[in-house]
């Protein structure tokens, strides 16, 4: 499953990345990074951490929407998924990220 990371500038000189699957659906949004090199490092960490299902932290919002986060080995949050209305939707997104992230190209 081919996908791609896109690194995007934010206001204030920061950057973040987003990951799209092969169909162009947004899977994951990275936390803001102070420099583009930090965004590349965060992508490298996500590519590694996404390969093991225990690294996905499943969470719920106050209105019962589900999402997941992934942290670095030292506990820093790399980013979050989109919100999902069902457990199957959440689990499908986790599987998609697991398959997509390790091989996704980086744009930017």
PDB file of N, CA and C in Angstrom:
ATOM      1  N   UNK A   1       0.862  -1.174   0.000  1.00  0.00           N
ATOM      2  CA  UNK A   1       0.000   0.000   0.000  1.00  0.00           C
ATOM      3  C   UNK A   1       0.909   1.239   0.000  1.00  0.00           C
ATOM      4  N   UNK A   2       0.928   1.953  -1.111  1.00  0.00           N
ATOM      5  CA  UNK A   2       1.740   3.158  -1.206  1.00  0.00           C
ATOM      6  C   UNK A   2       0.977   4.335  -0.619  1.00  0.00           C
ATOM      7  N   UNK A   3       1.678   5.225  -0.028  1.00  0.00           N
ATOM      8  CA  UNK A   3       1.108   6.437   0.533  1.00  0.00           C
ATOM      9  C   UNK A   3       2.180   7.505   0.508  1.00  0.00           C
ATOM     10  N   UNK A   4       1.861   8.634   1.109  1.00  0.00           N
ATOM     11  CA  UNK A   4       2.893   9.663   1.159  1.00  0.00           C
ATOM     12  C   UNK A   4       2.733  10.570   2.367  1.00  0.00           C
ATOM     13  N   UNK A   5       3.876  10.964   2.882  1.00  0.00           N
ATOM     14  CA  UNK A   5       3.961  11.989   3.907  1.00  0.00           C
ATOM     15  C   UNK A   5       4.133  13.320   3.195  1.00  0.00           C
ATOM     16  N   UNK A   6       3.466  14.342   3.674  1.00  0.00           N
ATOM     17  CA  UNK A   6       3.679  15.697   3.181  1.00  0.00           C
ATOM     18  C   UNK A   6       4.073  16.560   4.363  1.00  0.00           C
ATOM     19  N   UNK A   7       5.178  17.259   4.227  1.00  0.00           N
ATOM     20  CA  UNK A   7       5.615  18.200   5.258  1.00  0.00           C
ATOM     21  C   UNK A   7       5.101  19.569   4.857  1.00  0.00           C
ATOM     22  N   UNK A   8       4.422  20.219   5.798  1.00  0.00           N
ATOM     23  CA  UNK A   8       3.781  21.500   5.510  1.00  0.00           C
ATOM     24  C   UNK A   8       4.235  22.558   6.506  1.00  0.00           C
ATOM     25  N   UNK A   9       4.405  23.792   6.030  1.00  0.00           N
ATOM     26  CA  UNK A   9       4.755  24.873   6.961  1.00  0.00           C
ATOM     27  C   UNK A   9       3.534  25.326   7.754  1.00  0.00           C
ATOM     28  N   UNK A  10       3.776  25.746   8.969  1.00  0.00           N
ATOM     29  CA  UNK A  10       2.747  26.320   9.832  1.00  0.00           C
ATOM     30  C   UNK A  10       3.119  27.762  10.128  1.00  0.00           C
ATOM     31  N   UNK A  11       2.183  28.516  10.673  1.00  0.00           N
ATOM     32  CA  UNK A  11       2.495  29.884  11.077  1.00  0.00           C
ATOM     33  C   UNK A  11       3.559  29.847  12.167  1.00  0.00           C
ATOM     34  N   UNK A  12       4.370  30.888  12.210  1.00  0.00           N
ATOM     35  CA  UNK A  12       5.408  30.978  13.229  1.00  0.00           C
ATOM     36  C   UNK A  12       6.669  30.223  12.875  1.00  0.00           C
ATOM     37  N   UNK A  13       6.794  29.775  11.628  1.00  0.00           N
ATOM     38  CA  UNK A  13       8.012  29.111  11.197  1.00  0.00           C
ATOM     39  C   UNK A  13       8.102  27.638  11.562  1.00  0.00           C
ATOM     40  N   UNK A  14       7.040  27.065  12.082  1.00  0.00           N
ATOM     41  CA  UNK A  14       7.062  25.650  12.412  1.00  0.00           C
ATOM     42  C   UNK A  14       6.587  24.813  11.225  1.00  0.00           C
ATOM     43  N   UNK A  15       6.722  23.495  11.377  1.00  0.00           N
ATOM     44  CA  UNK A  15       6.329  22.549  10.340  1.00  0.00           C
ATOM     45  C   UNK A  15       5.576  21.392  10.984  1.00  0.00           C
ATOM     46  N   UNK A  16       4.778  20.732  10.194  1.00  0.00           N
ATOM     47  CA  UNK A  16       4.189  19.468  10.624  1.00  0.00           C
ATOM     48  C   UNK A  16       4.037  18.588   9.390  1.00  0.00           C
ATOM     49  N   UNK A  17       3.745  17.327   9.631  1.00  0.00           N
ATOM     50  CA  UNK A  17       3.555  16.410   8.520  1.00  0.00           C
ATOM     51  C   UNK A  17       2.172  15.793   8.590  1.00  0.00           C
ATOM     52  N   UNK A  18       1.711  15.354   7.449  1.00  0.00           N
ATOM     53  CA  UNK A  18       0.480  14.583   7.350  1.00  0.00           C
ATOM     54  C   UNK A  18       0.803  13.339   6.533  1.00  0.00           C
ATOM     55  N   UNK A  19       0.080  12.263   6.817  1.00  0.00           N
ATOM     56  CA  UNK A  19       0.259  11.015   6.076  1.00  0.00           C
ATOM     57  C   UNK A  19      -1.056  10.669   5.394  1.00  0.00           C
ATOM     58  N   UNK A  20      -0.969  10.434   4.083  1.00  0.00           N
ATOM     59  CA  UNK A  20      -2.117  10.027   3.280  1.00  0.00           C
ATOM     60  C   UNK A  20      -1.913   8.594   2.797  1.00  0.00           C
ATOM     61  N   UNK A  21      -3.001   7.834   2.715  1.00  0.00           N
ATOM     62  CA  UNK A  21      -2.899   6.492   2.155  1.00  0.00           C
ATOM     63  C   UNK A  21      -2.882   6.583   0.627  1.00  0.00           C
ATOM     64  N   UNK A  22      -2.856   5.435  -0.031  1.00  0.00           N
ATOM     65  CA  UNK A  22      -2.752   5.414  -1.498  1.00  0.00           C
ATOM     66  C   UNK A  22      -3.968   6.003  -2.187  1.00  0.00           C
ATOM     67  N   UNK A  23      -5.101   6.092  -1.481  1.00  0.00           N
ATOM     68  CA  UNK A  23      -6.308   6.688  -2.043  1.00  0.00           C
ATOM     69  C   UNK A  23      -6.427   8.177  -1.728  1.00  0.00           C
ATOM     70  N   UNK A  24      -5.420   8.737  -1.057  1.00  0.00           N
ATOM     71  CA  UNK A  24      -5.452  10.143  -0.711  1.00  0.00           C
ATOM     72  C   UNK A  24      -6.197  10.459   0.571  1.00  0.00           C
ATOM     73  N   UNK A  25      -6.572   9.438   1.328  1.00  0.00           N
ATOM     74  CA  UNK A  25      -7.280   9.661   2.597  1.00  0.00           C
ATOM     75  C   UNK A  25      -6.273   9.974   3.695  1.00  0.00           C
ATOM     76  N   UNK A  26      -6.577  11.002   4.475  1.00  0.00           N
ATOM     77  CA  UNK A  26      -5.704  11.404   5.573  1.00  0.00           C
ATOM     78  C   UNK A  26      -5.735  10.353   6.674  1.00  0.00           C
ATOM     79  N   UNK A  27      -4.558   9.870   7.066  1.00  0.00           N
ATOM     80  CA  UNK A  27      -4.453   8.875   8.130  1.00  0.00           C
ATOM     81  C   UNK A  27      -3.946   9.459   9.442  1.00  0.00           C
ATOM     82  N   UNK A  28      -3.031  10.440   9.358  1.00  0.00           N
ATOM     83  CA  UNK A  28      -2.332  10.875  10.564  1.00  0.00           C
ATOM     84  C   UNK A  28      -1.807  12.290  10.370  1.00  0.00           C
ATOM     85  N   UNK A  29      -1.860  13.075  11.445  1.00  0.00           N
ATOM     86  CA  UNK A  29      -1.322  14.436  11.439  1.00  0.00           C
ATOM     87  C   UNK A  29      -0.288  14.557  12.542  1.00  0.00           C
ATOM     88  N   UNK A  30       0.909  14.969  12.177  1.00  0.00           N
ATOM     89  CA  UNK A  30       1.991  15.110  13.137  1.00  0.00           C
ATOM     90  C   UNK A  30       1.880  16.380  13.967  1.00  0.00           C
ATOM     91  N   UNK A  31       2.505  16.338  15.124  1.00  0.00           N
ATOM     92  CA  UNK A  31       2.587  17.512  15.994  1.00  0.00           C
ATOM     93  C   UNK A  31       3.490  18.565  15.357  1.00  0.00           C
ATOM     94  N   UNK A  32       3.310  19.845  15.705  1.00  0.00           N
ATOM     95  CA  UNK A  32       4.201  20.885  15.178  1.00  0.00           C
ATOM     96  C   UNK A  32       5.661  20.645  15.571  1.00  0.00           C
ATOM     97  N   UNK A  33       6.547  20.944  14.645  1.00  0.00           N
ATOM     98  CA  UNK A  33       7.996  20.798  14.847  1.00  0.00           C
ATOM     99  C   UNK A  33       8.660  22.151  14.584  1.00  0.00           C
ATOM    100  N   UNK A  34       9.698  22.484  15.348  1.00  0.00           N
ATOM    101  CA  UNK A  34      10.337  23.790  15.169  1.00  0.00           C
ATOM    102  C   UNK A  34      11.122  23.950  13.868  1.00  0.00           C
ATOM    103  N   UNK A  35      11.540  22.851  13.259  1.00  0.00           N
ATOM    104  CA  UNK A  35      12.328  22.927  12.025  1.00  0.00           C
ATOM    105  C   UNK A  35      11.955  21.764  11.114  1.00  0.00           C
ATOM    106  N   UNK A  36      12.224  21.930   9.834  1.00  0.00           N
ATOM    107  CA  UNK A  36      11.886  20.883   8.873  1.00  0.00           C
ATOM    108  C   UNK A  36      12.656  19.598   9.182  1.00  0.00           C
ATOM    109  N   UNK A  37      13.887  19.719   9.669  1.00  0.00           N
ATOM    110  CA  UNK A  37      14.664  18.528  10.035  1.00  0.00           C
ATOM    111  C   UNK A  37      13.979  17.753  11.161  1.00  0.00           C
ATOM    112  N   UNK A  38      13.336  18.464  12.072  1.00  0.00           N
ATOM    113  CA  UNK A  38      12.603  17.798  13.152  1.00  0.00           C
ATOM    114  C   UNK A  38      11.383  17.059  12.610  1.00  0.00           C
ATOM    115  N   UNK A  39      10.740  17.617  11.588  1.00  0.00           N
ATOM    116  CA  UNK A  39       9.605  16.934  10.962  1.00  0.00           C
ATOM    117  C   UNK A  39      10.078  15.640  10.294  1.00  0.00           C
ATOM    118  N   UNK A  40      11.238  15.687   9.649  1.00  0.00           N
ATOM    119  CA  UNK A  40      11.793  14.481   9.041  1.00  0.00           C
ATOM    120  C   UNK A  40      12.131  13.439  10.109  1.00  0.00           C
ATOM    121  N   UNK A  41      12.664  13.883  11.236  1.00  0.00           N
ATOM    122  CA  UNK A  41      12.981  12.961  12.336  1.00  0.00           C
ATOM    123  C   UNK A  41      11.702  12.348  12.912  1.00  0.00           C
ATOM    124  N   UNK A  42      10.643  13.137  13.018  1.00  0.00           N
ATOM    125  CA  UNK A  42       9.370  12.629  13.522  1.00  0.00           C
ATOM    126  C   UNK A  42       8.788  11.593  12.555  1.00  0.00           C
ATOM    127  N   UNK A  43       8.915  11.836  11.267  1.00  0.00           N
ATOM    128  CA  UNK A  43       8.441  10.862  10.272  1.00  0.00           C
ATOM    129  C   UNK A  43       9.225   9.556  10.409  1.00  0.00           C
ATOM    130  N   UNK A  44      10.529   9.652  10.556  1.00  0.00           N
ATOM    131  CA  UNK A  44      11.351   8.449  10.730  1.00  0.00           C
ATOM    132  C   UNK A  44      10.911   7.669  11.968  1.00  0.00           C
ATOM    133  N   UNK A  45      10.619   8.378  13.050  1.00  0.00           N
ATOM    134  CA  UNK A  45      10.152   7.728  14.275  1.00  0.00           C
ATOM    135  C   UNK A  45       8.795   7.074  14.054  1.00  0.00           C
ATOM    136  N   UNK A  46       7.895   7.756  13.341  1.00  0.00           N
ATOM    137  CA  UNK A  46       6.583   7.184  13.076  1.00  0.00           C
ATOM    138  C   UNK A  46       6.701   5.940  12.205  1.00  0.00           C
ATOM    139  N   UNK A  47       7.548   5.986  11.189  1.00  0.00           N
ATOM    140  CA  UNK A  47       7.733   4.819  10.330  1.00  0.00           C
ATOM    141  C   UNK A  47       8.147   3.602  11.157  1.00  0.00           C
ATOM    142  N   UNK A  48       9.004   3.820  12.123  1.00  0.00           N
ATOM    143  CA  UNK A  48       9.457   2.726  12.983  1.00  0.00           C
ATOM    144  C   UNK A  48       8.371   2.286  13.963  1.00  0.00           C
ATOM    145  N   UNK A  49       7.770   3.244  14.664  1.00  0.00           N
ATOM    146  CA  UNK A  49       6.800   2.927  15.722  1.00  0.00           C
ATOM    147  C   UNK A  49       5.490   2.359  15.168  1.00  0.00           C
ATOM    148  N   UNK A  50       5.136   2.713  13.943  1.00  0.00           N
ATOM    149  CA  UNK A  50       3.879   2.251  13.354  1.00  0.00           C
ATOM    150  C   UNK A  50       3.902   0.768  13.017  1.00  0.00           C
ATOM    151  N   UNK A  51       5.057   0.143  13.068  1.00  0.00           N
ATOM    152  CA  UNK A  51       5.163  -1.264  12.701  1.00  0.00           C
ATOM    153  C   UNK A  51       4.726  -2.214  13.815  1.00  0.00           C
ATOM    154  N   UNK A  52       4.504  -1.691  15.031  1.00  0.00           N
ATOM    155  CA  UNK A  52       4.095  -2.542  16.155  1.00  0.00           C
ATOM    156  C   UNK A  52       2.769  -2.037  16.724  1.00  0.00           C
ATOM    157  N   UNK A  53       1.751  -2.878  16.691  1.00  0.00           N
ATOM    158  CA  UNK A  53       0.418  -2.478  17.140  1.00  0.00           C
ATOM    159  C   UNK A  53       0.355  -1.997  18.594  1.00  0.00           C
ATOM    160  N   UNK A  54       1.190  -2.498  19.518  1.00  0.00           N
ATOM    161  CA  UNK A  54       1.130  -1.972  20.894  1.00  0.00           C
ATOM    162  C   UNK A  54       1.511  -0.488  21.001  1.00  0.00           C
ATOM    163  N   UNK A  55       2.134   0.081  19.972  1.00  0.00           N
ATOM    164  CA  UNK A  55       2.517   1.505  20.005  1.00  0.00           C
ATOM    165  C   UNK A  55       1.359   2.447  19.716  1.00  0.00           C
ATOM    166  N   UNK A  56       0.204   1.906  19.318  1.00  0.00           N
ATOM    167  CA  UNK A  56      -0.970   2.722  19.029  1.00  0.00           C
ATOM    168  C   UNK A  56      -1.775   2.887  20.322  1.00  0.00           C
ATOM    169  N   UNK A  57      -1.943   4.121  20.761  1.00  0.00           N
ATOM    170  CA  UNK A  57      -2.737   4.403  21.955  1.00  0.00           C
ATOM    171  C   UNK A  57      -4.130   4.816  21.518  1.00  0.00           C
ATOM    172  N   UNK A  58      -5.086   3.978  21.799  1.00  0.00           N
ATOM    173  CA  UNK A  58      -6.470   4.258  21.432  1.00  0.00           C
ATOM    174  C   UNK A  58      -7.084   5.191  22.469  1.00  0.00           C
ATOM    175  N   UNK A  59      -7.760   6.249  21.996  1.00  0.00           N
ATOM    176  CA  UNK A  59      -8.334   7.260  22.884  1.00  0.00           C
ATOM    177  C   UNK A  59      -9.742   7.608  22.435  1.00  0.00           C
ATOM    178  N   UNK A  60     -10.459   8.317  23.321  1.00  0.00           N
ATOM    179  CA  UNK A  60     -11.839   8.714  23.037  1.00  0.00           C
ATOM    180  C   UNK A  60     -12.026  10.170  23.453  1.00  0.00           C
ATOM    181  N   UNK A  61     -12.772  10.924  22.643  1.00  0.00           N
ATOM    182  CA  UNK A  61     -13.107  12.300  22.985  1.00  0.00           C
ATOM    183  C   UNK A  61     -14.308  12.309  23.923  1.00  0.00           C
ATOM    184  N   UNK A  62     -14.654  13.480  24.438  1.00  0.00           N
ATOM    185  CA  UNK A  62     -15.805  13.621  25.332  1.00  0.00           C
ATOM    186  C   UNK A  62     -17.112  13.233  24.647  1.00  0.00           C
ATOM    187  N   UNK A  63     -17.169  13.395  23.318  1.00  0.00           N
ATOM    188  CA  UNK A  63     -18.394  13.025  22.597  1.00  0.00           C
ATOM    189  C   UNK A  63     -18.284  11.642  21.934  1.00  0.00           C
ATOM    190  N   UNK A  64     -17.422  10.786  22.494  1.00  0.00           N
ATOM    191  CA  UNK A  64     -17.266   9.379  22.105  1.00  0.00           C
ATOM    192  C   UNK A  64     -16.733   9.137  20.694  1.00  0.00           C
ATOM    193  N   UNK A  65     -16.027  10.087  20.126  1.00  0.00           N
ATOM    194  CA  UNK A  65     -15.310   9.848  18.881  1.00  0.00           C
ATOM    195  C   UNK A  65     -13.972   9.201  19.253  1.00  0.00           C
ATOM    196  N   UNK A  66     -13.503   8.289  18.437  1.00  0.00           N
ATOM    197  CA  UNK A  66     -12.269   7.571  18.725  1.00  0.00           C
ATOM    198  C   UNK A  66     -11.141   8.018  17.812  1.00  0.00           C
ATOM    199  N   UNK A  67      -9.927   7.977  18.362  1.00  0.00           N
ATOM    200  CA  UNK A  67      -8.727   8.302  17.607  1.00  0.00           C
ATOM    201  C   UNK A  67      -7.558   7.584  18.263  1.00  0.00           C
ATOM    202  N   UNK A  68      -6.408   7.651  17.638  1.00  0.00           N
ATOM    203  CA  UNK A  68      -5.219   7.071  18.251  1.00  0.00           C
ATOM    204  C   UNK A  68      -4.054   8.047  18.150  1.00  0.00           C
ATOM    205  N   UNK A  69      -3.115   7.858  19.043  1.00  0.00           N
ATOM    206  CA  UNK A  69      -1.859   8.592  19.008  1.00  0.00           C
ATOM    207  C   UNK A  69      -0.732   7.574  18.957  1.00  0.00           C
ATOM    208  N   UNK A  70       0.426   8.042  18.573  1.00  0.00           N
ATOM    209  CA  UNK A  70       1.649   7.238  18.629  1.00  0.00           C
ATOM    210  C   UNK A  70       2.712   8.115  19.262  1.00  0.00           C
ATOM    211  N   UNK A  71       3.483   7.535  20.160  1.00  0.00           N
ATOM    212  CA  UNK A  71       4.553   8.249  20.847  1.00  0.00           C
ATOM    213  C   UNK A  71       5.919   7.714  20.417  1.00  0.00           C
ATOM    214  N   UNK A  72       6.938   8.549  20.605  1.00  0.00           N
ATOM    215  CA  UNK A  72       8.305   8.093  20.403  1.00  0.00           C
ATOM    216  C   UNK A  72       8.663   7.125  21.527  1.00  0.00           C
ATOM    217  N   UNK A  73       9.802   6.489  21.427  1.00  0.00           N
ATOM    218  CA  UNK A  73      10.245   5.556  22.462  1.00  0.00           C
ATOM    219  C   UNK A  73      10.411   6.257  23.808  1.00  0.00           C
ATOM    220  N   UNK A  74      10.700   7.575  23.787  1.00  0.00           N
ATOM    221  CA  UNK A  74      10.862   8.306  25.056  1.00  0.00           C
ATOM    222  C   UNK A  74       9.582   9.021  25.492  1.00  0.00           C
ATOM    223  N   UNK A  75       8.446   8.729  24.842  1.00  0.00           N
ATOM    224  CA  UNK A  75       7.155   9.213  25.314  1.00  0.00           C
ATOM    225  C   UNK A  75       6.597  10.467  24.674  1.00  0.00           C
ATOM    226  N   UNK A  76       7.302  11.071  23.727  1.00  0.00           N
ATOM    227  CA  UNK A  76       6.796  12.281  23.069  1.00  0.00           C
ATOM    228  C   UNK A  76       5.742  11.905  22.026  1.00  0.00           C
ATOM    229  N   UNK A  77       4.603  12.607  22.054  1.00  0.00           N
ATOM    230  CA  UNK A  77       3.535  12.345  21.086  1.00  0.00           C
ATOM    231  C   UNK A  77       3.986  12.799  19.699  1.00  0.00           C
ATOM    232  N   UNK A  78       3.875  11.882  18.733  1.00  0.00           N
ATOM    233  CA  UNK A  78       4.216  12.206  17.351  1.00  0.00           C
ATOM    234  C   UNK A  78       3.054  12.863  16.625  1.00  0.00           C
ATOM    235  N   UNK A  79       1.829  12.491  16.993  1.00  0.00           N
ATOM    236  CA  UNK A  79       0.656  13.063  16.345  1.00  0.00           C
ATOM    237  C   UNK A  79      -0.571  12.231  16.631  1.00  0.00           C
ATOM    238  N   UNK A  80      -1.633  12.507  15.870  1.00  0.00           N
ATOM    239  CA  UNK A  80      -2.931  11.864  16.085  1.00  0.00           C
ATOM    240  C   UNK A  80      -3.570  11.481  14.759  1.00  0.00           C
ATOM    241  N   UNK A  81      -4.460  10.493  14.860  1.00  0.00           N
ATOM    242  CA  UNK A  81      -5.265  10.116  13.704  1.00  0.00           C
ATOM    243  C   UNK A  81      -6.449  11.061  13.580  1.00  0.00           C
ATOM    244  N   UNK A  82      -7.209  10.849  12.535  1.00  0.00           N
ATOM    245  CA  UNK A  82      -8.495  11.520  12.393  1.00  0.00           C
ATOM    246  C   UNK A  82      -9.471  10.898  13.388  1.00  0.00           C
ATOM    247  N   UNK A  83     -10.599  11.542  13.604  1.00  0.00           N
ATOM    248  CA  UNK A  83     -11.626  11.006  14.495  1.00  0.00           C
ATOM    249  C   UNK A  83     -12.451   9.940  13.769  1.00  0.00           C
ATOM    250  N   UNK A  84     -12.841   8.917  14.523  1.00  0.00           N
ATOM    251  CA  UNK A  84     -13.622   7.810  13.971  1.00  0.00           C
ATOM    252  C   UNK A  84     -14.851   7.598  14.835  1.00  0.00           C
ATOM    253  N   UNK A  85     -15.954   7.229  14.209  1.00  0.00           N
ATOM    254  CA  UNK A  85     -17.205   7.043  14.923  1.00  0.00           C
ATOM    255  C   UNK A  85     -17.460   5.624  15.382  1.00  0.00           C
ATOM    256  N   UNK A  86     -16.557   4.704  15.016  1.00  0.00           N
ATOM    257  CA  UNK A  86     -16.761   3.313  15.404  1.00  0.00           C
ATOM    258  C   UNK A  86     -15.426   2.632  15.672  1.00  0.00           C
ATOM    259  N   UNK A  87     -15.479   1.561  16.442  1.00  0.00           N
ATOM    260  CA  UNK A  87     -14.264   0.792  16.721  1.00  0.00           C
ATOM    261  C   UNK A  87     -13.720   0.160  15.436  1.00  0.00           C
ATOM    262  N   UNK A  88     -14.565  -0.432  14.584  1.00  0.00           N
ATOM    263  CA  UNK A  88     -14.020  -0.972  13.336  1.00  0.00           C
ATOM    264  C   UNK A  88     -13.329   0.100  12.471  1.00  0.00           C
ATOM    265  N   UNK A  89     -13.899   1.288  12.422  1.00  0.00           N
ATOM    266  CA  UNK A  89     -13.266   2.373  11.670  1.00  0.00           C
ATOM    267  C   UNK A  89     -11.905   2.728  12.237  1.00  0.00           C
ATOM    268  N   UNK A  90     -11.808   2.789  13.552  1.00  0.00           N
ATOM    269  CA  UNK A  90     -10.540   3.077  14.216  1.00  0.00           C
ATOM    270  C   UNK A  90      -9.525   1.979  13.919  1.00  0.00           C
ATOM    271  N   UNK A  91      -9.927   0.733  14.068  1.00  0.00           N
ATOM    272  CA  UNK A  91      -9.009  -0.382  13.844  1.00  0.00           C
ATOM    273  C   UNK A  91      -8.584  -0.472  12.380  1.00  0.00           C
ATOM    274  N   UNK A  92      -9.473  -0.164  11.459  1.00  0.00           N
ATOM    275  CA  UNK A  92      -9.102  -0.134  10.036  1.00  0.00           C
ATOM    276  C   UNK A  92      -8.062   0.948   9.769  1.00  0.00           C
ATOM    277  N   UNK A  93      -8.206   2.093  10.429  1.00  0.00           N
ATOM    278  CA  UNK A  93      -7.248   3.182  10.274  1.00  0.00           C
ATOM    279  C   UNK A  93      -5.880   2.791  10.832  1.00  0.00           C
ATOM    280  N   UNK A  94      -5.880   2.111  11.963  1.00  0.00           N
ATOM    281  CA  UNK A  94      -4.618   1.645  12.556  1.00  0.00           C
ATOM    282  C   UNK A  94      -3.923   0.669  11.599  1.00  0.00           C
ATOM    283  N   UNK A  95      -4.675  -0.255  11.052  1.00  0.00           N
ATOM    284  CA  UNK A  95      -4.106  -1.217  10.108  1.00  0.00           C
ATOM    285  C   UNK A  95      -3.564  -0.511   8.876  1.00  0.00           C
ATOM    286  N   UNK A  96      -4.299   0.476   8.380  1.00  0.00           N
ATOM    287  CA  UNK A  96      -3.845   1.234   7.212  1.00  0.00           C
ATOM    288  C   UNK A  96      -2.546   1.971   7.507  1.00  0.00           C
ATOM    289  N   UNK A  97      -2.449   2.598   8.673  1.00  0.00           N
ATOM    290  CA  UNK A  97      -1.211   3.304   9.033  1.00  0.00           C
ATOM    291  C   UNK A  97      -0.066   2.316   9.170  1.00  0.00           C
ATOM    292  N   UNK A  98      -0.321   1.188   9.806  1.00  0.00           N
ATOM    293  CA  UNK A  98       0.690   0.150   9.995  1.00  0.00           C
ATOM    294  C   UNK A  98       1.262  -0.308   8.661  1.00  0.00           C
ATOM    295  N   UNK A  99       0.420  -0.424   7.642  1.00  0.00           N
ATOM    296  CA  UNK A  99       0.859  -0.885   6.329  1.00  0.00           C
ATOM    297  C   UNK A  99       1.435   0.235   5.473  1.00  0.00           C
ATOM    298  N   UNK A 100       0.943   1.457   5.666  1.00  0.00           N
ATOM    299  CA  UNK A 100       1.326   2.568   4.799  1.00  0.00           C
ATOM    300  C   UNK A 100       2.601   3.275   5.240  1.00  0.00           C
ATOM    301  N   UNK A 101       2.702   3.618   6.504  1.00  0.00           N
ATOM    302  CA  UNK A 101       3.790   4.473   7.004  1.00  0.00           C
ATOM    303  C   UNK A 101       5.194   3.965   6.674  1.00  0.00           C
ATOM    304  N   UNK A 102       5.497   2.689   6.888  1.00  0.00           N
ATOM    305  CA  UNK A 102       6.881   2.258   6.661  1.00  0.00           C
ATOM    306  C   UNK A 102       7.399   2.456   5.239  1.00  0.00           C
ATOM    307  N   UNK A 103       6.511   2.485   4.253  1.00  0.00           N
ATOM    308  CA  UNK A 103       6.933   2.559   2.852  1.00  0.00           C
ATOM    309  C   UNK A 103       6.537   3.853   2.153  1.00  0.00           C
ATOM    310  N   UNK A 104       5.918   4.756   2.874  1.00  0.00           N
ATOM    311  CA  UNK A 104       5.430   5.995   2.267  1.00  0.00           C
ATOM    312  C   UNK A 104       6.567   6.931   1.881  1.00  0.00           C
ATOM    313  N   UNK A 105       6.409   7.558   0.746  1.00  0.00           N
ATOM    314  CA  UNK A 105       7.372   8.568   0.287  1.00  0.00           C
ATOM    315  C   UNK A 105       7.186   9.843   1.104  1.00  0.00           C
ATOM    316  N   UNK A 106       8.229  10.666   1.110  1.00  0.00           N
ATOM    317  CA  UNK A 106       8.181  11.947   1.843  1.00  0.00           C
ATOM    318  C   UNK A 106       8.261  13.077   0.822  1.00  0.00           C
ATOM    319  N   UNK A 107       7.265  13.967   0.879  1.00  0.00           N
ATOM    320  CA  UNK A 107       7.219  15.130   0.003  1.00  0.00           C
ATOM    321  C   UNK A 107       7.443  16.363   0.870  1.00  0.00           C
ATOM    322  N   UNK A 108       8.444  17.172   0.508  1.00  0.00           N
ATOM    323  CA  UNK A 108       8.688  18.405   1.257  1.00  0.00           C
ATOM    324  C   UNK A 108       9.886  18.359   2.151  1.00  0.00           C
TER     325      UNK A 108
END
